[in-house]
Amino acid sequence: MQVFSIEVSDIFRTILAAATPVGELRLAIPLAVYVYKMQWYEAFILGVCGNMIPVFFLVGTLDRIERVLERFPNPFLSILRWRADKLRAAQTPKFERYQFVALVALVAIPLPGTGAWTGALAAWVFQIQPRRAIPLIALGVLIAGVIVTSITILGSGLASFFLKV
């Protein structure tokens, strides 16, 4: 089944790629444009929506997840605390100085170790309330989406320019 010119399975794969903690928009948008042959605006919308899905879950529940994980020995609590400690050590001066702008910037810069998942973790670490954290993370995701989409389009345009025979 197709929705417009896009396969439904490609829509789900793009959303799933955007929702992953490692891939996020850096994976989803180029995947949608180059592999699934979507238009840039389709890839942008699906990527941003998919990237926000885990944010709604994580921002409000990381406290509860930590309490549940504390009840029994497991590696997930150690990983969560290790990542939180690493984030706290690296970002505390920025959060103390720039406050909410730091959260937007942490999410907006499309590099490894940044993004919506890290933003949700930062909101938990720095105790930013969900009603304030979610819009800030969403703004960062939109900015990251614009950056990744622009780089994807630019890369496609440069490739076609230089590879013309």
N, C-alpha and C. Protein backbone atom coordinates (compact mmCIF):
# COMPACT_ATOMS: atom_id res chain seq x y z
N MET A 1 0.83 -1.19 0.00
CA MET A 1 0.00 0.00 0.00
C MET A 1 0.87 1.25 0.00
N GLN A 2 0.47 2.25 -0.75
CA GLN A 2 1.24 3.48 -0.83
C GLN A 2 0.43 4.65 -0.29
N VAL A 3 1.11 5.54 0.41
CA VAL A 3 0.53 6.80 0.81
C VAL A 3 1.25 7.85 -0.02
N PHE A 4 0.50 8.51 -0.89
CA PHE A 4 1.08 9.40 -1.88
C PHE A 4 2.08 8.60 -2.69
N SER A 5 3.34 8.97 -2.68
CA SER A 5 4.33 8.20 -3.43
C SER A 5 5.23 7.39 -2.49
N ILE A 6 4.84 7.27 -1.23
CA ILE A 6 5.68 6.62 -0.23
C ILE A 6 5.06 5.31 0.20
N GLU A 7 5.87 4.28 0.31
CA GLU A 7 5.41 3.01 0.86
C GLU A 7 5.19 3.16 2.37
N VAL A 8 4.14 2.55 2.88
CA VAL A 8 3.85 2.61 4.32
C VAL A 8 5.00 2.01 5.13
N SER A 9 5.58 0.93 4.63
CA SER A 9 6.70 0.31 5.35
C SER A 9 7.89 1.27 5.43
N ASP A 10 8.10 2.08 4.40
CA ASP A 10 9.19 3.06 4.43
C ASP A 10 8.91 4.16 5.45
N ILE A 11 7.64 4.51 5.60
CA ILE A 11 7.26 5.50 6.61
C ILE A 11 7.61 4.97 7.99
N PHE A 12 7.20 3.74 8.27
CA PHE A 12 7.48 3.14 9.58
C PHE A 12 8.97 2.97 9.82
N ARG A 13 9.72 2.58 8.80
CA ARG A 13 11.17 2.43 8.96
C ARG A 13 11.84 3.77 9.25
N THR A 14 11.38 4.81 8.59
CA THR A 14 11.94 6.14 8.83
C THR A 14 11.64 6.61 10.24
N ILE A 15 10.39 6.44 10.68
CA ILE A 15 10.01 6.82 12.04
C ILE A 15 10.80 6.02 13.06
N LEU A 16 10.94 4.72 12.82
CA LEU A 16 11.70 3.87 13.74
C LEU A 16 13.17 4.28 13.78
N ALA A 17 13.76 4.60 12.64
CA ALA A 17 15.16 5.04 12.61
C ALA A 17 15.33 6.33 13.39
N ALA A 18 14.36 7.23 13.28
CA ALA A 18 14.43 8.51 14.01
C ALA A 18 14.25 8.32 15.50
N ALA A 19 13.55 7.27 15.89
CA ALA A 19 13.28 7.03 17.32
C ALA A 19 14.41 6.30 18.02
N THR A 20 15.38 5.79 17.29
CA THR A 20 16.48 5.06 17.92
C THR A 20 17.44 6.02 18.62
N PRO A 21 18.05 5.58 19.72
CA PRO A 21 18.93 6.48 20.46
C PRO A 21 20.24 6.82 19.75
N VAL A 22 20.68 5.98 18.86
CA VAL A 22 21.93 6.25 18.17
C VAL A 22 21.70 6.93 16.82
N GLY A 23 20.70 6.50 16.08
CA GLY A 23 20.45 7.02 14.75
C GLY A 23 19.83 8.40 14.74
N GLU A 24 18.69 8.52 15.38
CA GLU A 24 17.92 9.75 15.43
C GLU A 24 17.81 10.37 14.03
N LEU A 25 17.84 11.68 13.93
CA LEU A 25 17.67 12.36 12.65
C LEU A 25 18.87 12.16 11.73
N ARG A 26 20.04 11.95 12.32
CA ARG A 26 21.26 11.75 11.53
C ARG A 26 21.16 10.52 10.65
N LEU A 27 20.35 9.56 11.05
CA LEU A 27 20.12 8.35 10.28
C LEU A 27 18.83 8.46 9.46
N ALA A 28 17.76 8.92 10.08
CA ALA A 28 16.44 8.84 9.47
C ALA A 28 16.30 9.69 8.21
N ILE A 29 16.76 10.91 8.24
CA ILE A 29 16.54 11.79 7.10
C ILE A 29 17.35 11.35 5.87
N PRO A 30 18.66 11.11 6.00
CA PRO A 30 19.37 10.60 4.80
C PRO A 30 18.84 9.25 4.32
N LEU A 31 18.46 8.38 5.23
CA LEU A 31 17.88 7.09 4.87
C LEU A 31 16.62 7.29 4.04
N ALA A 32 15.74 8.17 4.51
CA ALA A 32 14.48 8.41 3.80
C ALA A 32 14.72 9.03 2.43
N VAL A 33 15.66 9.96 2.34
CA VAL A 33 15.91 10.64 1.06
C VAL A 33 16.64 9.75 0.07
N TYR A 34 17.71 9.11 0.52
CA TYR A 34 18.56 8.36 -0.41
C TYR A 34 18.08 6.93 -0.65
N VAL A 35 17.61 6.26 0.37
CA VAL A 35 17.22 4.85 0.22
C VAL A 35 15.75 4.71 -0.16
N TYR A 36 14.88 5.44 0.55
CA TYR A 36 13.44 5.30 0.30
C TYR A 36 12.93 6.31 -0.73
N LYS A 37 13.82 7.16 -1.24
CA LYS A 37 13.51 8.12 -2.31
C LYS A 37 12.36 9.06 -1.95
N MET A 38 12.30 9.49 -0.70
CA MET A 38 11.29 10.46 -0.26
C MET A 38 11.76 11.87 -0.61
N GLN A 39 10.80 12.76 -0.69
CA GLN A 39 11.12 14.17 -0.83
C GLN A 39 11.69 14.65 0.50
N TRP A 40 12.48 15.71 0.45
CA TRP A 40 13.13 16.20 1.67
C TRP A 40 12.13 16.59 2.75
N TYR A 41 11.02 17.19 2.35
CA TYR A 41 10.04 17.64 3.35
C TYR A 41 9.31 16.45 3.98
N GLU A 42 9.13 15.36 3.23
CA GLU A 42 8.54 14.15 3.80
C GLU A 42 9.49 13.54 4.83
N ALA A 43 10.77 13.47 4.46
CA ALA A 43 11.78 12.92 5.36
C ALA A 43 11.90 13.78 6.62
N PHE A 44 11.85 15.08 6.45
CA PHE A 44 11.94 16.00 7.59
C PHE A 44 10.79 15.78 8.56
N ILE A 45 9.57 15.77 8.05
CA ILE A 45 8.39 15.62 8.91
C ILE A 45 8.40 14.27 9.63
N LEU A 46 8.66 13.20 8.89
CA LEU A 46 8.67 11.87 9.51
C LEU A 46 9.81 11.74 10.51
N GLY A 47 10.97 12.30 10.17
CA GLY A 47 12.12 12.24 11.07
C GLY A 47 11.86 12.97 12.38
N VAL A 48 11.35 14.19 12.29
CA VAL A 48 11.07 14.99 13.49
C VAL A 48 10.01 14.30 14.35
N CYS A 49 8.93 13.85 13.72
CA CYS A 49 7.87 13.16 14.48
C CYS A 49 8.41 11.90 15.15
N GLY A 50 9.17 11.10 14.41
CA GLY A 50 9.73 9.88 14.97
C GLY A 50 10.72 10.15 16.08
N ASN A 51 11.49 11.23 15.95
CA ASN A 51 12.48 11.57 16.97
C ASN A 51 11.84 12.05 18.27
N MET A 52 10.65 12.60 18.17
CA MET A 52 9.96 13.10 19.37
C MET A 52 9.21 12.00 20.13
N ILE A 53 8.92 10.88 19.50
CA ILE A 53 8.16 9.81 20.15
C ILE A 53 8.81 9.37 21.47
N PRO A 54 10.10 9.02 21.50
CA PRO A 54 10.67 8.59 22.79
C PRO A 54 10.76 9.72 23.81
N VAL A 55 10.82 10.97 23.35
CA VAL A 55 10.92 12.10 24.28
C VAL A 55 9.70 12.15 25.19
N PHE A 56 8.51 12.00 24.61
CA PHE A 56 7.28 12.06 25.41
C PHE A 56 7.28 10.97 26.48
N PHE A 57 7.84 9.81 26.15
CA PHE A 57 7.90 8.71 27.11
C PHE A 57 9.00 8.95 28.14
N LEU A 58 10.18 9.32 27.69
CA LEU A 58 11.35 9.40 28.57
C LEU A 58 11.30 10.55 29.57
N VAL A 59 10.91 11.73 29.12
CA VAL A 59 11.00 12.91 29.97
C VAL A 59 10.19 12.74 31.26
N GLY A 60 9.03 12.17 31.14
CA GLY A 60 8.20 12.03 32.32
C GLY A 60 8.41 10.77 33.13
N THR A 61 9.20 9.83 32.60
CA THR A 61 9.27 8.53 33.28
C THR A 61 10.66 8.09 33.71
N LEU A 62 11.69 8.84 33.44
CA LEU A 62 13.04 8.39 33.82
C LEU A 62 13.18 8.21 35.33
N ASP A 63 12.52 9.04 36.13
CA ASP A 63 12.56 8.84 37.59
C ASP A 63 11.98 7.48 37.96
N ARG A 64 10.83 7.16 37.38
CA ARG A 64 10.17 5.88 37.68
C ARG A 64 10.99 4.70 37.14
N ILE A 65 11.58 4.87 35.97
CA ILE A 65 12.42 3.81 35.41
C ILE A 65 13.59 3.53 36.34
N GLU A 66 14.21 4.59 36.87
CA GLU A 66 15.33 4.41 37.79
C GLU A 66 14.88 3.65 39.04
N ARG A 67 13.73 4.00 39.60
CA ARG A 67 13.23 3.32 40.81
C ARG A 67 12.94 1.85 40.54
N VAL A 68 12.39 1.54 39.39
CA VAL A 68 12.12 0.14 39.04
C VAL A 68 13.43 -0.62 38.87
N LEU A 69 14.40 -0.02 38.20
CA LEU A 69 15.67 -0.69 37.97
C LEU A 69 16.45 -0.90 39.27
N GLU A 70 16.23 -0.04 40.27
CA GLU A 70 16.92 -0.20 41.56
C GLU A 70 16.46 -1.43 42.33
N ARG A 71 15.31 -1.97 42.01
CA ARG A 71 14.74 -3.09 42.76
C ARG A 71 15.46 -4.42 42.55
N PHE A 72 16.16 -4.54 41.45
CA PHE A 72 16.87 -5.80 41.19
C PHE A 72 18.17 -5.50 40.46
N PRO A 73 19.19 -6.33 40.66
CA PRO A 73 20.48 -6.09 40.01
C PRO A 73 20.37 -6.30 38.51
N ASN A 74 20.88 -5.33 37.77
CA ASN A 74 20.86 -5.41 36.31
C ASN A 74 21.86 -4.42 35.74
N PRO A 75 22.30 -4.63 34.52
CA PRO A 75 23.28 -3.72 33.92
C PRO A 75 22.66 -2.40 33.45
N PHE A 76 21.34 -2.35 33.24
CA PHE A 76 20.70 -1.15 32.70
C PHE A 76 20.81 0.03 33.66
N LEU A 77 20.68 -0.21 34.95
CA LEU A 77 20.80 0.87 35.92
C LEU A 77 22.22 1.42 35.92
N SER A 78 23.20 0.55 35.83
CA SER A 78 24.59 0.99 35.78
C SER A 78 24.86 1.83 34.54
N ILE A 79 24.31 1.41 33.42
CA ILE A 79 24.49 2.16 32.17
C ILE A 79 23.81 3.52 32.26
N LEU A 80 22.58 3.54 32.79
CA LEU A 80 21.84 4.79 32.94
C LEU A 80 22.59 5.77 33.84
N ARG A 81 23.07 5.28 34.97
CA ARG A 81 23.80 6.15 35.90
C ARG A 81 25.14 6.59 35.32
N TRP A 82 25.82 5.70 34.60
CA TRP A 82 27.10 6.06 33.97
C TRP A 82 26.89 7.19 32.97
N ARG A 83 25.85 7.05 32.14
CA ARG A 83 25.57 8.08 31.13
C ARG A 83 25.14 9.38 31.79
N ALA A 84 24.35 9.30 32.86
CA ALA A 84 23.92 10.50 33.58
C ALA A 84 25.12 11.20 34.21
N ASP A 85 26.03 10.44 34.82
CA ASP A 85 27.22 11.02 35.43
C ASP A 85 28.12 11.68 34.39
N LYS A 86 28.24 11.03 33.25
CA LYS A 86 29.06 11.58 32.16
C LYS A 86 28.45 12.88 31.64
N LEU A 87 27.14 12.88 31.47
CA LEU A 87 26.43 14.08 31.01
C LEU A 87 26.55 15.20 32.04
N ARG A 88 26.38 14.87 33.30
CA ARG A 88 26.48 15.85 34.39
C ARG A 88 27.89 16.48 34.41
N ALA A 89 28.91 15.65 34.27
CA ALA A 89 30.28 16.16 34.30
C ALA A 89 30.58 17.07 33.11
N ALA A 90 30.07 16.72 31.95
CA ALA A 90 30.37 17.49 30.75
C ALA A 90 29.51 18.74 30.60
N GLN A 91 28.28 18.69 31.07
CA GLN A 91 27.32 19.75 30.76
C GLN A 91 26.95 20.67 31.92
N THR A 92 27.31 20.35 33.16
CA THR A 92 26.89 21.18 34.29
C THR A 92 27.27 22.65 34.14
N PRO A 93 28.50 22.98 33.75
CA PRO A 93 28.83 24.42 33.61
C PRO A 93 27.94 25.11 32.57
N LYS A 94 27.64 24.43 31.48
CA LYS A 94 26.79 25.03 30.44
C LYS A 94 25.37 25.22 30.95
N PHE A 95 24.85 24.23 31.66
CA PHE A 95 23.50 24.34 32.18
C PHE A 95 23.40 25.40 33.27
N GLU A 96 24.44 25.55 34.08
CA GLU A 96 24.41 26.59 35.11
C GLU A 96 24.46 27.98 34.48
N ARG A 97 25.20 28.11 33.40
CA ARG A 97 25.36 29.43 32.78
C ARG A 97 24.22 29.77 31.83
N TYR A 98 23.87 28.82 30.94
CA TYR A 98 22.91 29.13 29.88
C TYR A 98 21.51 28.57 30.12
N GLN A 99 21.34 27.75 31.11
CA GLN A 99 20.07 27.16 31.51
C GLN A 99 19.37 26.48 30.33
N PHE A 100 18.19 26.96 29.97
CA PHE A 100 17.36 26.26 28.99
C PHE A 100 17.92 26.32 27.57
N VAL A 101 18.70 27.35 27.26
CA VAL A 101 19.33 27.44 25.95
C VAL A 101 20.30 26.27 25.76
N ALA A 102 20.92 25.85 26.84
CA ALA A 102 21.86 24.71 26.78
C ALA A 102 21.13 23.43 26.39
N LEU A 103 19.92 23.24 26.87
CA LEU A 103 19.15 22.04 26.51
C LEU A 103 18.80 22.06 25.03
N VAL A 104 18.37 23.19 24.52
CA VAL A 104 18.05 23.31 23.09
C VAL A 104 19.31 23.03 22.27
N ALA A 105 20.43 23.63 22.64
CA ALA A 105 21.67 23.44 21.89
C ALA A 105 22.15 21.99 21.95
N LEU A 106 22.01 21.35 23.11
CA LEU A 106 22.43 19.96 23.25
C LEU A 106 21.66 19.06 22.29
N VAL A 107 20.40 19.35 22.09
CA VAL A 107 19.56 18.56 21.20
C VAL A 107 19.79 18.96 19.74
N ALA A 108 19.98 20.26 19.48
CA ALA A 108 20.01 20.78 18.12
C ALA A 108 21.28 20.43 17.34
N ILE A 109 22.38 20.22 18.02
CA ILE A 109 23.64 19.95 17.33
C ILE A 109 23.66 18.47 16.94
N PRO A 110 23.59 18.17 15.64
CA PRO A 110 23.48 16.77 15.21
C PRO A 110 24.83 16.04 15.18
N LEU A 111 25.36 15.79 16.36
CA LEU A 111 26.62 15.05 16.49
C LEU A 111 26.38 13.84 17.39
N PRO A 112 27.25 12.83 17.32
CA PRO A 112 27.11 11.69 18.24
C PRO A 112 27.15 12.17 19.70
N GLY A 113 26.28 11.61 20.52
CA GLY A 113 26.22 11.99 21.92
C GLY A 113 25.30 13.16 22.19
N THR A 114 24.65 13.66 21.15
CA THR A 114 23.67 14.73 21.32
C THR A 114 22.36 14.24 20.72
N GLY A 115 21.31 15.01 20.89
CA GLY A 115 20.03 14.65 20.29
C GLY A 115 18.92 14.57 21.31
N ALA A 116 17.77 14.08 20.87
CA ALA A 116 16.57 14.05 21.70
C ALA A 116 16.73 13.11 22.90
N TRP A 117 17.34 11.96 22.71
CA TRP A 117 17.53 11.03 23.82
C TRP A 117 18.43 11.66 24.89
N THR A 118 19.53 12.26 24.46
CA THR A 118 20.43 12.92 25.40
C THR A 118 19.74 14.12 26.05
N GLY A 119 18.91 14.83 25.29
CA GLY A 119 18.15 15.94 25.85
C GLY A 119 17.18 15.48 26.92
N ALA A 120 16.51 14.36 26.69
CA ALA A 120 15.60 13.81 27.70
C ALA A 120 16.37 13.40 28.95
N LEU A 121 17.53 12.80 28.74
CA LEU A 121 18.37 12.43 29.88
C LEU A 121 18.86 13.67 30.62
N ALA A 122 19.23 14.72 29.89
CA ALA A 122 19.68 15.96 30.51
C ALA A 122 18.55 16.62 31.30
N ALA A 123 17.34 16.57 30.78
CA ALA A 123 16.20 17.13 31.50
C ALA A 123 16.00 16.40 32.83
N TRP A 124 16.22 15.11 32.82
CA TRP A 124 16.11 14.32 34.06
C TRP A 124 17.27 14.65 35.01
N VAL A 125 18.48 14.67 34.48
CA VAL A 125 19.66 14.93 35.30
C VAL A 125 19.60 16.31 35.96
N PHE A 126 19.17 17.31 35.19
CA PHE A 126 19.14 18.68 35.70
C PHE A 126 17.76 19.09 36.22
N GLN A 127 16.89 18.10 36.37
CA GLN A 127 15.57 18.25 36.99
C GLN A 127 14.74 19.37 36.35
N ILE A 128 14.67 19.33 35.03
CA ILE A 128 13.82 20.26 34.29
C ILE A 128 12.45 19.61 34.17
N GLN A 129 11.43 20.31 34.55
CA GLN A 129 10.07 19.78 34.53
C GLN A 129 9.65 19.41 33.10
N PRO A 130 8.89 18.32 32.93
CA PRO A 130 8.47 17.89 31.59
C PRO A 130 7.74 18.97 30.80
N ARG A 131 6.90 19.77 31.44
CA ARG A 131 6.15 20.79 30.70
C ARG A 131 7.08 21.86 30.12
N ARG A 132 8.27 22.00 30.68
CA ARG A 132 9.24 22.93 30.14
C ARG A 132 10.25 22.21 29.23
N ALA A 133 10.60 20.98 29.58
CA ALA A 133 11.61 20.24 28.83
C ALA A 133 11.13 19.83 27.44
N ILE A 134 9.89 19.34 27.34
CA ILE A 134 9.41 18.83 26.05
C ILE A 134 9.42 19.90 24.97
N PRO A 135 8.91 21.12 25.22
CA PRO A 135 8.99 22.14 24.15
C PRO A 135 10.43 22.52 23.80
N LEU A 136 11.31 22.56 24.79
CA LEU A 136 12.72 22.89 24.51
C LEU A 136 13.38 21.80 23.67
N ILE A 137 13.12 20.55 24.00
CA ILE A 137 13.66 19.44 23.22
C ILE A 137 13.06 19.45 21.81
N ALA A 138 11.77 19.74 21.70
CA ALA A 138 11.12 19.82 20.39
C ALA A 138 11.76 20.91 19.52
N LEU A 139 12.06 22.04 20.12
CA LEU A 139 12.73 23.12 19.37
C LEU A 139 14.11 22.65 18.90
N GLY A 140 14.84 21.98 19.77
CA GLY A 140 16.15 21.44 19.38
C GLY A 140 16.04 20.41 18.27
N VAL A 141 15.01 19.56 18.33
CA VAL A 141 14.80 18.56 17.28
C VAL A 141 14.48 19.24 15.95
N LEU A 142 13.67 20.28 15.98
CA LEU A 142 13.36 21.02 14.74
C LEU A 142 14.62 21.64 14.14
N ILE A 143 15.45 22.25 14.98
CA ILE A 143 16.69 22.84 14.50
C ILE A 143 17.61 21.76 13.93
N ALA A 144 17.75 20.65 14.64
CA ALA A 144 18.58 19.54 14.14
C ALA A 144 18.02 19.01 12.84
N GLY A 145 16.69 18.93 12.72
CA GLY A 145 16.07 18.47 11.48
C GLY A 145 16.40 19.38 10.31
N VAL A 146 16.37 20.69 10.54
CA VAL A 146 16.73 21.65 9.49
C VAL A 146 18.19 21.46 9.08
N ILE A 147 19.07 21.30 10.06
CA ILE A 147 20.50 21.12 9.77
C ILE A 147 20.74 19.84 8.98
N VAL A 148 20.20 18.72 9.47
CA VAL A 148 20.43 17.43 8.80
C VAL A 148 19.81 17.42 7.41
N THR A 149 18.61 17.97 7.27
CA THR A 149 17.96 18.02 5.96
C THR A 149 18.77 18.89 5.00
N SER A 150 19.26 20.02 5.48
CA SER A 150 20.07 20.90 4.63
C SER A 150 21.35 20.21 4.17
N ILE A 151 22.00 19.53 5.09
CA ILE A 151 23.24 18.81 4.72
C ILE A 151 22.92 17.69 3.74
N THR A 152 21.81 17.00 3.95
CA THR A 152 21.41 15.92 3.05
C THR A 152 21.14 16.45 1.65
N ILE A 153 20.40 17.54 1.55
CA ILE A 153 20.08 18.13 0.24
C ILE A 153 21.35 18.67 -0.41
N LEU A 154 22.18 19.35 0.37
CA LEU A 154 23.43 19.88 -0.16
C LEU A 154 24.32 18.75 -0.67
N GLY A 155 24.41 17.68 0.10
CA GLY A 155 25.22 16.53 -0.32
C GLY A 155 24.70 15.92 -1.60
N SER A 156 23.39 15.83 -1.73
CA SER A 156 22.77 15.28 -2.94
C SER A 156 23.04 16.20 -4.14
N GLY A 157 22.91 17.50 -3.92
CA GLY A 157 23.16 18.46 -5.01
C GLY A 157 24.61 18.47 -5.44
N LEU A 158 25.53 18.41 -4.48
CA LEU A 158 26.96 18.37 -4.83
C LEU A 158 27.32 17.09 -5.55
N ALA A 159 26.76 15.99 -5.10
CA ALA A 159 27.04 14.70 -5.75
C ALA A 159 26.57 14.72 -7.20
N SER A 160 25.36 15.21 -7.44
CA SER A 160 24.87 15.24 -8.81
C SER A 160 25.66 16.22 -9.67
N PHE A 161 26.14 17.32 -9.08
CA PHE A 161 26.93 18.30 -9.83
C PHE A 161 28.28 17.72 -10.23
N PHE A 162 28.97 17.09 -9.27
CA PHE A 162 30.32 16.59 -9.54
C PHE A 162 30.33 15.25 -10.26
N LEU A 163 29.27 14.49 -10.17
CA LEU A 163 29.26 13.17 -10.80
C LEU A 163 28.64 13.16 -12.18
N LYS A 164 28.24 14.34 -12.68
CA LYS A 164 27.70 14.39 -14.05
C LYS A 164 28.83 14.12 -15.03
N VAL A 165 28.52 13.34 -16.01
CA VAL A 165 29.55 13.00 -17.00
C VAL A 165 29.28 13.74 -18.28
